[in-house]
């Protein structure tokens, strides 16, 4: 069986430079919004790099990470999954 390595090209954007130096996750338990609803059915977690809000991805039923961007206009999130190291800018629709 073959294994494949996928390289994600990262671009730069002005929003990354405006982020705080470090931000702590609001929760390590899971999507804060799903947990408030009594649910745990998220697919993957994302963390806002402006405020640390932890929310579920767009493959999850409630898509709370995107909803957080819409409500807060915090532009950049990162994967909050173990072993993943990538960021997404909602404004530029790009991996940064």
C-alpha atoms as a PDB file:
ATOM      1  CA  UNK A   1       0.000   0.000   0.000  1.00  0.00           C
ATOM      2  CA  UNK A   2       1.286   3.461  -0.880  1.00  0.00           C
ATOM      3  CA  UNK A   3       1.241   6.342   1.509  1.00  0.00           C
ATOM      4  CA  UNK A   4       0.980   9.903   0.344  1.00  0.00           C
ATOM      5  CA  UNK A   5       2.219  13.103   1.893  1.00  0.00           C
ATOM      6  CA  UNK A   6       0.185  16.198   1.177  1.00  0.00           C
ATOM      7  CA  UNK A   7       1.994  19.504   1.444  1.00  0.00           C
ATOM      8  CA  UNK A   8      -0.236  22.466   2.160  1.00  0.00           C
ATOM      9  CA  UNK A   9       1.026  25.686   0.631  1.00  0.00           C
ATOM     10  CA  UNK A  10       0.834  28.521   3.105  1.00  0.00           C
ATOM     11  CA  UNK A  11       0.476  32.067   1.989  1.00  0.00           C
ATOM     12  CA  UNK A  12       0.853  35.180   4.032  1.00  0.00           C
ATOM     13  CA  UNK A  13      -1.877  37.658   4.780  1.00  0.00           C
ATOM     14  CA  UNK A  14      -2.118  40.901   6.710  1.00  0.00           C
ATOM     15  CA  UNK A  15      -4.433  39.315   9.281  1.00  0.00           C
ATOM     16  CA  UNK A  16      -1.744  36.987  10.665  1.00  0.00           C
ATOM     17  CA  UNK A  17       0.487  39.950  11.533  1.00  0.00           C
ATOM     18  CA  UNK A  18      -2.308  41.531  13.572  1.00  0.00           C
ATOM     19  CA  UNK A  19      -2.807  38.473  15.817  1.00  0.00           C
ATOM     20  CA  UNK A  20      -1.774  38.468  19.481  1.00  0.00           C
ATOM     21  CA  UNK A  21       1.576  36.786  20.196  1.00  0.00           C
ATOM     22  CA  UNK A  22      -0.127  33.942  22.080  1.00  0.00           C
ATOM     23  CA  UNK A  23      -3.675  33.021  22.985  1.00  0.00           C
ATOM     24  CA  UNK A  24      -4.872  30.248  25.296  1.00  0.00           C
ATOM     25  CA  UNK A  25      -7.772  27.986  24.284  1.00  0.00           C
ATOM     26  CA  UNK A  26     -11.070  28.877  25.923  1.00  0.00           C
ATOM     27  CA  UNK A  27     -11.661  25.153  26.506  1.00  0.00           C
ATOM     28  CA  UNK A  28      -9.779  21.907  26.070  1.00  0.00           C
ATOM     29  CA  UNK A  29     -12.985  19.871  26.366  1.00  0.00           C
ATOM     30  CA  UNK A  30     -14.364  20.563  22.894  1.00  0.00           C
ATOM     31  CA  UNK A  31     -16.571  22.967  20.991  1.00  0.00           C
ATOM     32  CA  UNK A  32     -17.759  25.489  23.557  1.00  0.00           C
ATOM     33  CA  UNK A  33     -20.996  26.153  21.670  1.00  0.00           C
ATOM     34  CA  UNK A  34     -21.859  22.456  21.186  1.00  0.00           C
ATOM     35  CA  UNK A  35     -21.123  21.744  24.848  1.00  0.00           C
ATOM     36  CA  UNK A  36     -23.485  24.586  25.836  1.00  0.00           C
ATOM     37  CA  UNK A  37     -26.187  22.789  23.805  1.00  0.00           C
ATOM     38  CA  UNK A  38     -25.400  19.479  25.515  1.00  0.00           C
ATOM     39  CA  UNK A  39     -23.955  18.031  22.297  1.00  0.00           C
ATOM     40  CA  UNK A  40     -20.626  16.394  21.472  1.00  0.00           C
ATOM     41  CA  UNK A  41     -21.156  15.509  17.808  1.00  0.00           C
ATOM     42  CA  UNK A  42     -18.476  17.672  16.178  1.00  0.00           C
ATOM     43  CA  UNK A  43     -16.144  16.306  13.502  1.00  0.00           C
ATOM     44  CA  UNK A  44     -13.061  18.460  14.149  1.00  0.00           C
ATOM     45  CA  UNK A  45     -12.151  21.397  16.357  1.00  0.00           C
ATOM     46  CA  UNK A  46     -10.780  24.824  15.474  1.00  0.00           C
ATOM     47  CA  UNK A  47      -9.401  27.578  17.720  1.00  0.00           C
ATOM     48  CA  UNK A  48      -9.732  31.308  17.079  1.00  0.00           C
ATOM     49  CA  UNK A  49      -6.293  32.917  17.140  1.00  0.00           C
ATOM     50  CA  UNK A  50      -7.723  36.272  18.247  1.00  0.00           C
ATOM     51  CA  UNK A  51      -9.544  35.150  21.394  1.00  0.00           C
ATOM     52  CA  UNK A  52      -9.017  31.394  21.899  1.00  0.00           C
ATOM     53  CA  UNK A  53     -12.639  30.402  21.245  1.00  0.00           C
ATOM     54  CA  UNK A  54     -12.791  26.652  20.496  1.00  0.00           C
ATOM     55  CA  UNK A  55     -15.473  25.664  18.005  1.00  0.00           C
ATOM     56  CA  UNK A  56     -16.437  22.921  15.560  1.00  0.00           C
ATOM     57  CA  UNK A  57     -15.502  22.827  11.867  1.00  0.00           C
ATOM     58  CA  UNK A  58     -17.682  23.124   8.771  1.00  0.00           C
ATOM     59  CA  UNK A  59     -17.950  19.307   8.567  1.00  0.00           C
ATOM     60  CA  UNK A  60     -19.787  19.395  11.907  1.00  0.00           C
ATOM     61  CA  UNK A  61     -23.565  19.879  12.096  1.00  0.00           C
ATOM     62  CA  UNK A  62     -23.462  23.367  13.648  1.00  0.00           C
ATOM     63  CA  UNK A  63     -20.338  24.843  11.992  1.00  0.00           C
ATOM     64  CA  UNK A  64     -19.615  26.966  15.065  1.00  0.00           C
ATOM     65  CA  UNK A  65     -16.105  28.079  13.996  1.00  0.00           C
ATOM     66  CA  UNK A  66     -17.495  29.801  10.904  1.00  0.00           C
ATOM     67  CA  UNK A  67     -20.367  31.214  12.973  1.00  0.00           C
ATOM     68  CA  UNK A  68     -17.790  32.630  15.415  1.00  0.00           C
ATOM     69  CA  UNK A  69     -16.009  34.374  12.534  1.00  0.00           C
ATOM     70  CA  UNK A  70     -19.331  35.792  11.314  1.00  0.00           C
ATOM     71  CA  UNK A  71     -20.222  37.154  14.747  1.00  0.00           C
ATOM     72  CA  UNK A  72     -16.774  38.350  15.854  1.00  0.00           C
ATOM     73  CA  UNK A  73     -14.963  39.075  12.579  1.00  0.00           C
ATOM     74  CA  UNK A  74     -11.881  37.370  14.097  1.00  0.00           C
ATOM     75  CA  UNK A  75     -10.196  36.384  10.822  1.00  0.00           C
ATOM     76  CA  UNK A  76      -7.765  33.535  11.573  1.00  0.00           C
ATOM     77  CA  UNK A  77      -8.280  30.162  13.223  1.00  0.00           C
ATOM     78  CA  UNK A  78      -6.089  27.116  13.568  1.00  0.00           C
ATOM     79  CA  UNK A  79      -6.780  23.439  13.748  1.00  0.00           C
ATOM     80  CA  UNK A  80      -7.234  22.325  17.346  1.00  0.00           C
ATOM     81  CA  UNK A  81      -6.674  18.676  16.426  1.00  0.00           C
ATOM     82  CA  UNK A  82      -3.660  16.749  17.789  1.00  0.00           C
ATOM     83  CA  UNK A  83      -0.811  16.581  15.284  1.00  0.00           C
ATOM     84  CA  UNK A  84      -2.220  19.259  12.978  1.00  0.00           C
ATOM     85  CA  UNK A  85      -0.422  22.568  12.478  1.00  0.00           C
ATOM     86  CA  UNK A  86      -2.270  24.798  10.039  1.00  0.00           C
ATOM     87  CA  UNK A  87      -4.198  28.070  10.112  1.00  0.00           C
ATOM     88  CA  UNK A  88      -7.068  29.372   7.999  1.00  0.00           C
ATOM     89  CA  UNK A  89      -7.873  32.996   7.216  1.00  0.00           C
ATOM     90  CA  UNK A  90     -11.610  33.409   6.643  1.00  0.00           C
ATOM     91  CA  UNK A  91     -11.190  36.820   5.014  1.00  0.00           C
ATOM     92  CA  UNK A  92      -8.623  35.649   2.452  1.00  0.00           C
ATOM     93  CA  UNK A  93     -10.035  32.089   2.168  1.00  0.00           C
ATOM     94  CA  UNK A  94      -6.521  30.702   2.451  1.00  0.00           C
ATOM     95  CA  UNK A  95      -4.231  28.520   4.509  1.00  0.00           C
ATOM     96  CA  UNK A  96      -1.794  30.946   6.123  1.00  0.00           C
END
